[in-house]
Amino acid sequence: MADAPKTSPWRWVPTLYLAEGLPYALVMSVALVFYQNLGVPNAENTFLISLLYLPWVIKPLWSPAVDILKTRRAWIWTMQILVGAALAGVALTVPTAYFLPATLAFFWLLAFASATHDVAADGFYLLALTEHDQAWFNGIRTTFYRLAGILAKGQLLILAGFLAAQANNFAAAWSLVFCLVASIILLLGIYHRWILPRPMDDQPIVAGSKNFLGAFSKTFAAFFQKPDIGIALLFLLVYRFGEAQLMPVTQLFLLDAHAHGGLGLTNAQVGFTYNTVGVIALIAGGLLGGFVIAQRGLKFWLWPMLLAIHLPDAVFVWLAAAQPQNLFTIGAGIAIEQFGYGFGFAFFMLYMLWLARGAHATAHYALCTGFMALGMMVPGLWSGWLQEQLGYKIFFGWVILATIPSFIIARKIPLEAEFGKR
């Protein structure tokens, strides 16, 4: 665990999780608005962006390689440089006639690099810090990961809207925005190449290909030998079945014209209400969720948190029916929904930690997050098409019905009563 000379976690934990949060927010949220601004239809938009979940779904297939080959430190800064290069590619191809296939290709490169970076960063966090520091900085890393979301989904969206209004050209505005964020990620990669500590335990496990395959197989097989793993994985897949359909459509609904059933907000208004106020409410809900779980344990909060993550989805049923124009009213509705989501998601994150415990925890946690991403990707593939068929009002009603499977499966999941209790 030791490293010499000692590097304060304050010098790298916040920036490491800022670098982890930015690419994910850009691919999963900002890209939706980007393509909507450039005229890509909802069905095609949500399908293409949901497909970009795939690297996070299949990252468990190569996550043992991060443990086995090279150091996690090397994986981290290398992937950050690759993410920055991919974003530069997006910036250069936005103004071209072939922007859709070209930018998608660079987003795919970014997604694979970011998914690999996630595995390395989370593993490095466990190796470079003592158990005491892991607990102490857990809230710090979560906060900076969420702040990265506010920066990407809020401030960058507002900047893109401002630049587009000045130039009357969304393509030029987005090109400048992606150029800016590429520069930020590249600088973070250079910084981490210099500042990250060098834990003694951060070493490749094996060197030979034969040993690599053996270690890989054992790591992978051990996960599926856990007790009641089938029910647990089904729970990971359906916990956010409704939310997985809601999330890709939400920003498109806020941006769509009143005549099309949307709320007709600008980029800046969406950046403020959904991606700034909403993310702050999300963080608050997550912090409260972590606090109360520490008091009573994870199992006690299963049903309250399941209700909290699902019932506030009804806010969008009302927004679609009423189509309010008051920004405060819209922001308050979004804050309620996002607070409930953050509170309920705290259970989900800790449940994955419980499931991944034991040997190979880094790779097994990556497997859990892979199933989590699969549960988000597949419903997202059809969400935009379904919204176009049903309209926003009926679609949001369907989202409420789609939460029912999670309540059914939750009754049977394996879980220790005291896990998570301080």
Protein backbone atom coordinates (compact mmCIF):
# COMPACT_ATOMS: atom_id res chain seq x y z
CA MET A 1 0.00 0.00 0.00
CA ALA A 2 2.84 2.34 0.72
CA ASP A 3 4.35 4.75 -1.74
CA ALA A 4 7.46 6.86 -1.39
CA PRO A 5 7.47 9.74 -1.18
CA LYS A 6 3.93 9.95 0.24
CA THR A 7 1.52 11.75 -2.08
CA SER A 8 -1.50 13.38 -0.46
CA PRO A 9 -4.77 11.92 -1.79
CA TRP A 10 -6.08 15.48 -2.03
CA ARG A 11 -3.65 15.99 -4.93
CA TRP A 12 -5.08 13.20 -7.07
CA VAL A 13 -8.41 11.73 -5.84
CA PRO A 14 -10.54 14.76 -6.87
CA THR A 15 -8.91 15.12 -10.30
CA LEU A 16 -8.93 11.37 -10.95
CA TYR A 17 -12.70 11.16 -10.49
CA LEU A 18 -13.23 14.38 -12.40
CA ALA A 19 -11.43 12.66 -15.28
CA GLU A 20 -13.57 9.54 -14.79
CA GLY A 21 -16.88 11.41 -14.75
CA LEU A 22 -16.36 13.75 -17.71
CA PRO A 23 -16.18 11.19 -20.57
CA TYR A 24 -19.16 9.21 -19.32
CA ALA A 25 -21.32 12.33 -19.04
CA LEU A 26 -20.24 13.47 -22.50
CA VAL A 27 -21.14 10.17 -24.15
CA MET A 28 -24.34 9.32 -22.27
CA SER A 29 -25.91 12.76 -21.86
CA VAL A 30 -24.23 15.58 -23.76
CA ALA A 31 -24.09 13.60 -27.00
CA LEU A 32 -27.90 13.30 -26.96
CA VAL A 33 -28.31 17.09 -26.95
CA PHE A 34 -25.46 17.49 -29.44
CA TYR A 35 -27.13 15.23 -32.00
CA GLN A 36 -30.58 16.71 -31.32
CA ASN A 37 -29.19 20.19 -32.02
CA LEU A 38 -27.81 18.91 -35.34
CA GLY A 39 -31.16 17.48 -36.42
CA VAL A 40 -30.86 13.75 -35.64
CA PRO A 41 -34.40 12.30 -34.95
CA ASN A 42 -35.24 11.04 -31.45
CA ALA A 43 -35.51 7.35 -32.40
CA GLU A 44 -32.15 7.31 -34.18
CA ASN A 45 -30.54 9.51 -31.53
CA THR A 46 -31.50 7.37 -28.53
CA PHE A 47 -30.67 4.14 -30.39
CA LEU A 48 -27.15 5.30 -31.31
CA ILE A 49 -26.38 6.71 -27.86
CA SER A 50 -27.75 3.63 -26.07
CA LEU A 51 -25.46 1.46 -28.20
CA LEU A 52 -22.56 3.46 -26.78
CA TYR A 53 -23.27 1.80 -23.43
CA LEU A 54 -21.78 -1.36 -24.92
CA PRO A 55 -18.17 -0.73 -23.78
CA TRP A 56 -19.39 -0.39 -20.17
CA VAL A 57 -21.46 -3.55 -20.63
CA ILE A 58 -18.61 -5.71 -21.93
CA LYS A 59 -15.74 -4.16 -19.98
CA PRO A 60 -15.75 -7.18 -17.62
CA LEU A 61 -14.44 -9.20 -20.57
CA TRP A 62 -11.16 -7.30 -20.44
CA SER A 63 -11.23 -5.94 -16.86
CA PRO A 64 -8.99 -8.80 -15.59
CA ALA A 65 -6.38 -7.61 -18.10
CA VAL A 66 -6.14 -4.34 -16.16
CA ASP A 67 -5.25 -6.34 -13.05
CA ILE A 68 -2.96 -8.73 -14.89
CA LEU A 69 -1.10 -6.57 -17.45
CA LYS A 70 0.80 -3.36 -16.64
CA THR A 71 0.11 -1.16 -13.63
CA ARG A 72 -3.22 0.51 -12.97
CA ARG A 73 -1.33 3.79 -12.80
CA ALA A 74 -0.14 3.33 -16.40
CA TRP A 75 -3.61 2.36 -17.58
CA ILE A 76 -5.07 5.52 -16.02
CA TRP A 77 -2.97 8.21 -17.64
CA THR A 78 -2.74 6.37 -20.97
CA MET A 79 -6.54 6.08 -21.22
CA GLN A 80 -6.93 9.76 -20.33
CA ILE A 81 -4.64 10.74 -23.20
CA LEU A 82 -6.65 8.48 -25.51
CA VAL A 83 -9.94 10.03 -24.35
CA GLY A 84 -8.55 13.51 -25.01
CA ALA A 85 -7.43 12.48 -28.50
CA ALA A 86 -10.88 11.02 -29.25
CA LEU A 87 -12.57 14.25 -28.17
CA ALA A 88 -10.22 16.21 -30.40
CA GLY A 89 -11.36 13.95 -33.25
CA VAL A 90 -14.99 14.76 -32.47
CA ALA A 91 -14.20 18.49 -32.48
CA LEU A 92 -12.51 18.28 -35.89
CA THR A 93 -15.28 16.28 -37.59
CA VAL A 94 -18.36 18.13 -36.26
CA PRO A 95 -18.35 20.78 -39.05
CA THR A 96 -17.99 18.19 -41.85
CA ALA A 97 -20.69 16.78 -44.13
CA TYR A 98 -20.07 13.27 -42.71
CA PHE A 99 -20.28 14.41 -39.09
CA LEU A 100 -22.62 11.62 -37.91
CA PRO A 101 -20.50 8.52 -38.76
CA ALA A 102 -17.25 10.35 -38.02
CA THR A 103 -18.22 11.68 -34.60
CA LEU A 104 -19.81 8.35 -33.71
CA ALA A 105 -16.54 6.56 -34.50
CA PHE A 106 -14.64 8.87 -32.14
CA PHE A 107 -17.36 8.50 -29.47
CA TRP A 108 -16.89 4.72 -29.69
CA LEU A 109 -13.14 5.12 -29.18
CA LEU A 110 -13.82 7.46 -26.26
CA ALA A 111 -16.30 5.01 -24.71
CA PHE A 112 -13.90 2.04 -24.82
CA ALA A 113 -11.06 4.14 -23.37
CA SER A 114 -13.34 5.56 -20.65
CA ALA A 115 -14.68 2.12 -19.66
CA THR A 116 -11.13 0.80 -19.34
CA HIS A 117 -10.16 3.88 -17.34
CA ASP A 118 -13.04 3.22 -14.91
CA VAL A 119 -11.70 -0.25 -14.11
CA ALA A 120 -8.16 1.03 -13.60
CA ALA A 121 -9.16 4.08 -11.53
CA ASP A 122 -11.40 2.16 -9.13
CA GLY A 123 -8.75 -0.56 -8.69
CA PHE A 124 -6.04 2.05 -8.16
CA TYR A 125 -8.17 3.76 -5.50
CA LEU A 126 -8.27 0.50 -3.52
CA LEU A 127 -4.51 -0.05 -3.84
CA ALA A 128 -3.21 3.46 -3.24
CA LEU A 129 -5.21 4.25 -0.09
CA THR A 130 -5.46 2.63 3.32
CA GLU A 131 -8.88 1.35 4.38
CA HIS A 132 -9.27 4.44 6.56
CA ASP A 133 -8.49 6.78 3.65
CA GLN A 134 -10.76 4.79 1.32
CA ALA A 135 -13.68 5.47 3.65
CA TRP A 136 -12.65 9.10 4.24
CA PHE A 137 -12.32 9.96 0.55
CA ASN A 138 -15.31 7.96 -0.67
CA GLY A 139 -17.58 11.00 -0.42
CA ILE A 140 -14.90 13.16 -2.05
CA ARG A 141 -14.51 10.93 -5.10
CA THR A 142 -18.29 10.61 -5.51
CA THR A 143 -18.73 14.38 -5.26
CA PHE A 144 -16.09 15.11 -7.90
CA TYR A 145 -17.53 12.44 -10.18
CA ARG A 146 -20.89 14.21 -9.91
CA LEU A 147 -19.28 17.63 -10.32
CA ALA A 148 -17.85 16.35 -13.60
CA GLY A 149 -21.45 15.67 -14.62
CA ILE A 150 -22.47 19.23 -13.72
CA LEU A 151 -19.54 20.62 -15.72
CA ALA A 152 -20.24 18.45 -18.78
CA LYS A 153 -24.03 18.34 -18.80
CA GLY A 154 -24.64 21.76 -17.31
CA GLN A 155 -21.94 24.31 -18.00
CA LEU A 156 -20.76 22.89 -21.34
CA LEU A 157 -24.36 22.70 -22.51
CA ILE A 158 -24.92 26.32 -21.51
CA LEU A 159 -21.69 27.30 -23.28
CA ALA A 160 -22.75 25.47 -26.45
CA GLY A 161 -26.10 27.27 -26.41
CA PHE A 162 -24.42 30.65 -25.91
CA LEU A 163 -21.88 30.09 -28.71
CA ALA A 164 -24.59 28.83 -31.07
CA ALA A 165 -26.67 31.95 -30.40
CA GLN A 166 -23.69 34.18 -31.14
CA ALA A 167 -22.67 32.42 -34.35
CA ASN A 168 -26.13 31.08 -35.34
CA ASN A 169 -24.34 27.78 -35.98
CA PHE A 170 -24.65 24.74 -33.72
CA ALA A 171 -21.91 22.82 -35.54
CA ALA A 172 -19.28 25.52 -34.97
CA ALA A 173 -20.38 25.96 -31.34
CA TRP A 174 -20.12 22.26 -30.53
CA SER A 175 -16.77 21.99 -32.29
CA LEU A 176 -15.36 24.65 -29.96
CA VAL A 177 -16.92 22.99 -26.89
CA PHE A 178 -15.41 19.57 -27.70
CA CYS A 179 -12.06 21.21 -28.40
CA LEU A 180 -12.16 22.80 -24.94
CA VAL A 181 -13.04 19.59 -23.10
CA ALA A 182 -10.41 17.65 -25.09
CA SER A 183 -7.80 20.10 -23.81
CA ILE A 184 -9.02 19.62 -20.22
CA ILE A 185 -8.78 15.80 -20.41
CA LEU A 186 -5.35 15.88 -22.07
CA LEU A 187 -4.04 18.18 -19.34
CA LEU A 188 -5.45 15.86 -16.69
CA GLY A 189 -3.67 12.92 -18.35
CA ILE A 190 -0.36 14.78 -18.26
CA TYR A 191 -0.96 15.83 -14.65
CA HIS A 192 -1.75 12.29 -13.51
CA ARG A 193 1.31 10.91 -15.31
CA TRP A 194 3.30 13.09 -12.93
CA ILE A 195 1.27 13.23 -9.70
CA LEU A 196 -0.24 9.76 -9.16
CA PRO A 197 1.47 7.80 -6.37
CA ARG A 198 3.25 4.52 -7.04
CA PRO A 199 1.80 1.94 -4.61
CA MET A 200 4.01 -1.08 -4.05
CA ASP A 201 1.00 -3.36 -4.65
CA ASP A 202 0.27 -1.83 -8.06
CA GLN A 203 2.06 -4.47 -10.08
CA PRO A 204 1.06 -6.76 -12.95
CA ILE A 205 -0.09 -10.13 -11.61
CA VAL A 206 1.49 -12.33 -14.29
CA ALA A 207 3.57 -11.87 -17.39
CA GLY A 208 3.15 -15.02 -19.52
CA SER A 209 0.18 -15.53 -21.87
CA LYS A 210 -0.49 -19.02 -20.45
CA ASN A 211 -0.70 -17.69 -16.91
CA PHE A 212 -2.76 -14.76 -18.12
CA LEU A 213 -5.45 -17.02 -19.59
CA GLY A 214 -5.53 -19.15 -16.46
CA ALA A 215 -5.83 -16.17 -14.13
CA PHE A 216 -8.46 -14.61 -16.39
CA SER A 217 -10.61 -17.75 -16.40
CA LYS A 218 -10.44 -18.22 -12.64
CA THR A 219 -11.36 -14.58 -12.00
CA PHE A 220 -14.30 -14.74 -14.37
CA ALA A 221 -15.61 -18.13 -13.19
CA ALA A 222 -15.45 -17.23 -9.48
CA PHE A 223 -18.03 -14.48 -9.98
CA PHE A 224 -20.67 -16.85 -11.35
CA GLN A 225 -20.14 -19.28 -8.49
CA LYS A 226 -21.44 -16.83 -5.88
CA PRO A 227 -24.62 -17.97 -4.03
CA ASP A 228 -27.93 -17.00 -5.73
CA ILE A 229 -25.99 -15.12 -8.41
CA GLY A 230 -28.78 -15.61 -10.98
CA ILE A 231 -31.36 -13.69 -8.94
CA ALA A 232 -28.82 -11.02 -8.04
CA LEU A 233 -27.89 -10.42 -11.69
CA LEU A 234 -31.54 -10.31 -12.75
CA PHE A 235 -32.03 -7.63 -10.10
CA LEU A 236 -29.12 -5.62 -11.54
CA LEU A 237 -30.77 -5.82 -14.96
CA VAL A 238 -34.30 -4.75 -13.95
CA TYR A 239 -33.67 -2.34 -11.05
CA ARG A 240 -33.66 0.62 -13.47
CA PHE A 241 -35.79 -0.83 -16.27
CA GLY A 242 -38.14 2.16 -16.22
CA GLU A 243 -35.39 4.71 -15.65
CA ALA A 244 -33.36 3.21 -18.50
CA GLN A 245 -36.13 4.21 -20.90
CA LEU A 246 -36.79 7.56 -19.26
CA MET A 247 -33.22 8.90 -19.19
CA PRO A 248 -32.44 8.97 -22.95
CA VAL A 249 -35.75 10.74 -23.68
CA THR A 250 -35.78 13.28 -20.84
CA GLN A 251 -33.53 15.94 -22.35
CA LEU A 252 -35.11 15.50 -25.78
CA PHE A 253 -38.52 16.11 -24.16
CA LEU A 254 -37.25 19.27 -22.50
CA LEU A 255 -35.81 20.55 -25.79
CA ASP A 256 -38.67 19.53 -28.10
CA ALA A 257 -41.15 22.20 -29.22
CA HIS A 258 -44.55 22.53 -27.52
CA ALA A 259 -46.20 21.52 -30.77
CA HIS A 260 -44.39 18.17 -30.57
CA GLY A 261 -45.38 17.61 -26.93
CA GLY A 262 -42.14 18.90 -25.39
CA LEU A 263 -41.39 21.88 -23.17
CA GLY A 264 -39.49 23.97 -25.73
CA LEU A 265 -36.50 24.85 -23.53
CA THR A 266 -33.20 26.16 -24.86
CA ASN A 267 -29.84 24.41 -24.38
CA ALA A 268 -28.98 26.86 -21.60
CA GLN A 269 -32.29 26.25 -19.81
CA VAL A 270 -31.82 22.47 -20.01
CA GLY A 271 -28.23 22.88 -18.84
CA PHE A 272 -29.46 24.81 -15.80
CA THR A 273 -32.65 22.93 -14.84
CA TYR A 274 -31.87 19.30 -15.63
CA ASN A 275 -28.09 19.22 -15.65
CA THR A 276 -27.26 21.67 -12.85
CA VAL A 277 -30.24 21.88 -10.47
CA GLY A 278 -31.08 18.25 -11.24
CA VAL A 279 -27.54 16.98 -10.66
CA ILE A 280 -27.25 18.92 -7.38
CA ALA A 281 -30.49 17.25 -6.23
CA LEU A 282 -29.07 13.91 -7.41
CA ILE A 283 -25.93 14.43 -5.32
CA ALA A 284 -28.00 15.44 -2.27
CA GLY A 285 -30.16 12.33 -2.63
CA GLY A 286 -27.09 10.12 -2.95
CA LEU A 287 -25.39 11.63 0.10
CA LEU A 288 -28.54 11.20 2.18
CA GLY A 289 -28.90 7.64 0.92
CA GLY A 290 -25.35 6.76 1.96
CA PHE A 291 -25.87 8.35 5.38
CA VAL A 292 -29.09 6.51 6.23
CA ILE A 293 -27.73 3.16 5.01
CA ALA A 294 -24.80 3.61 7.38
CA GLN A 295 -27.30 4.00 10.25
CA ARG A 296 -29.62 1.04 9.61
CA GLY A 297 -27.91 -1.20 7.05
CA LEU A 298 -28.62 -1.91 3.40
CA LYS A 299 -31.47 -4.41 3.78
CA PHE A 300 -33.58 -2.06 5.90
CA TRP A 301 -33.65 0.51 3.08
CA LEU A 302 -34.43 -1.85 0.19
CA TRP A 303 -38.12 -0.99 -0.16
CA PRO A 304 -37.99 2.73 0.73
CA MET A 305 -35.19 3.25 -1.80
CA LEU A 306 -36.93 1.16 -4.45
CA LEU A 307 -39.98 3.40 -4.08
CA ALA A 308 -37.81 6.54 -4.04
CA ILE A 309 -36.11 5.77 -7.35
CA HIS A 310 -39.35 4.89 -9.17
CA LEU A 311 -42.33 6.88 -7.91
CA PRO A 312 -40.90 10.35 -8.72
CA ASP A 313 -40.88 9.34 -12.42
CA ALA A 314 -44.53 10.43 -12.28
CA VAL A 315 -43.25 14.03 -12.36
CA PHE A 316 -42.66 13.62 -16.10
CA VAL A 317 -46.22 12.37 -16.63
CA TRP A 318 -47.42 15.65 -15.16
CA LEU A 319 -44.87 17.78 -17.07
CA ALA A 320 -45.95 16.18 -20.37
CA ALA A 321 -49.63 16.70 -19.59
CA ALA A 322 -49.38 20.28 -18.27
CA GLN A 323 -46.45 21.51 -20.41
CA PRO A 324 -45.65 24.31 -17.93
CA GLN A 325 -43.58 27.25 -19.14
CA ASN A 326 -42.41 28.50 -15.75
CA LEU A 327 -38.74 27.55 -15.40
CA PHE A 328 -38.97 27.40 -11.60
CA THR A 329 -41.84 24.90 -11.79
CA ILE A 330 -39.97 22.74 -14.30
CA GLY A 331 -36.77 22.89 -12.24
CA ALA A 332 -38.63 21.95 -9.04
CA GLY A 333 -40.18 18.92 -10.74
CA ILE A 334 -36.83 17.79 -12.07
CA ALA A 335 -35.21 18.30 -8.66
CA ILE A 336 -37.81 16.04 -7.02
CA GLU A 337 -37.29 13.29 -9.60
CA GLN A 338 -33.50 13.49 -9.46
CA PHE A 339 -33.37 13.59 -5.66
CA GLY A 340 -35.43 10.39 -5.53
CA TYR A 341 -33.20 8.84 -8.15
CA GLY A 342 -30.03 9.70 -6.21
CA PHE A 343 -31.51 8.41 -2.95
CA GLY A 344 -32.63 5.12 -4.51
CA PHE A 345 -29.45 4.64 -6.50
CA ALA A 346 -27.41 4.63 -3.26
CA PHE A 347 -28.89 1.19 -2.56
CA PHE A 348 -27.95 -0.06 -6.00
CA MET A 349 -24.31 1.04 -5.74
CA LEU A 350 -23.81 -0.52 -2.32
CA TYR A 351 -25.56 -3.71 -3.39
CA MET A 352 -22.99 -4.11 -6.17
CA LEU A 353 -20.20 -3.61 -3.62
CA TRP A 354 -21.76 -6.34 -1.46
CA LEU A 355 -22.03 -8.66 -4.45
CA ALA A 356 -18.40 -8.05 -5.49
CA ARG A 357 -16.83 -8.73 -2.09
CA GLY A 358 -14.02 -11.24 -1.71
CA ALA A 359 -11.13 -12.22 -3.95
CA HIS A 360 -10.95 -10.44 -7.32
CA ALA A 361 -13.14 -7.62 -6.00
CA THR A 362 -11.95 -5.17 -8.70
CA ALA A 363 -12.84 -7.47 -11.59
CA HIS A 364 -16.05 -8.66 -9.93
CA TYR A 365 -17.21 -5.10 -9.34
CA ALA A 366 -16.54 -4.43 -13.03
CA LEU A 367 -18.75 -7.42 -13.84
CA CYS A 368 -21.52 -5.94 -11.69
CA THR A 369 -21.26 -2.58 -13.41
CA GLY A 370 -21.30 -4.38 -16.75
CA PHE A 371 -24.66 -5.94 -15.95
CA MET A 372 -25.83 -2.55 -14.66
CA ALA A 373 -24.87 -0.97 -18.00
CA LEU A 374 -26.59 -3.77 -19.93
CA GLY A 375 -29.76 -3.02 -17.97
CA MET A 376 -29.48 0.61 -19.15
CA MET A 377 -28.42 -0.09 -22.74
CA VAL A 378 -31.07 -2.53 -23.94
CA PRO A 379 -34.20 -0.57 -22.87
CA GLY A 380 -32.58 2.63 -24.16
CA LEU A 381 -32.31 1.14 -27.65
CA TRP A 382 -36.06 1.29 -28.18
CA SER A 383 -36.94 4.25 -25.92
CA GLY A 384 -36.79 6.94 -28.62
CA TRP A 385 -38.74 4.82 -31.11
CA LEU A 386 -41.38 4.02 -28.48
CA GLN A 387 -41.71 7.69 -27.57
CA GLU A 388 -42.26 8.61 -31.21
CA GLN A 389 -45.00 5.95 -31.46
CA LEU A 390 -46.79 6.82 -28.21
CA GLY A 391 -46.11 10.53 -27.70
CA TYR A 392 -44.55 11.91 -24.55
CA LYS A 393 -47.58 11.63 -22.24
CA ILE A 394 -48.32 7.95 -22.85
CA PHE A 395 -44.62 7.11 -23.00
CA PHE A 396 -43.99 8.51 -19.51
CA GLY A 397 -47.00 6.54 -18.26
CA TRP A 398 -45.43 3.39 -19.71
CA VAL A 399 -42.21 4.19 -17.83
CA ILE A 400 -44.15 3.95 -14.54
CA LEU A 401 -45.47 0.51 -15.50
CA ALA A 402 -41.97 -0.59 -16.49
CA THR A 403 -40.81 -0.23 -12.87
CA ILE A 404 -42.99 -3.18 -11.72
CA PRO A 405 -40.46 -5.98 -12.51
CA SER A 406 -37.93 -4.50 -10.08
CA PHE A 407 -40.44 -4.78 -7.21
CA ILE A 408 -41.12 -8.42 -8.07
CA ILE A 409 -37.45 -9.46 -8.25
CA ALA A 410 -36.47 -7.45 -5.14
CA ARG A 411 -38.46 -9.86 -2.93
CA LYS A 412 -36.01 -12.69 -3.71
CA ILE A 413 -32.55 -11.12 -3.83
CA PRO A 414 -29.75 -12.36 -1.53
CA LEU A 415 -28.61 -9.73 0.96
CA GLU A 416 -27.10 -9.59 4.45
CA ALA A 417 -29.14 -7.56 6.90
CA GLU A 418 -26.22 -5.71 8.49
CA PHE A 419 -24.20 -4.91 5.36
CA GLY A 420 -23.41 -1.21 5.04
CA LYS A 421 -24.22 -0.45 8.67
CA ARG A 422 -21.56 1.63 10.35
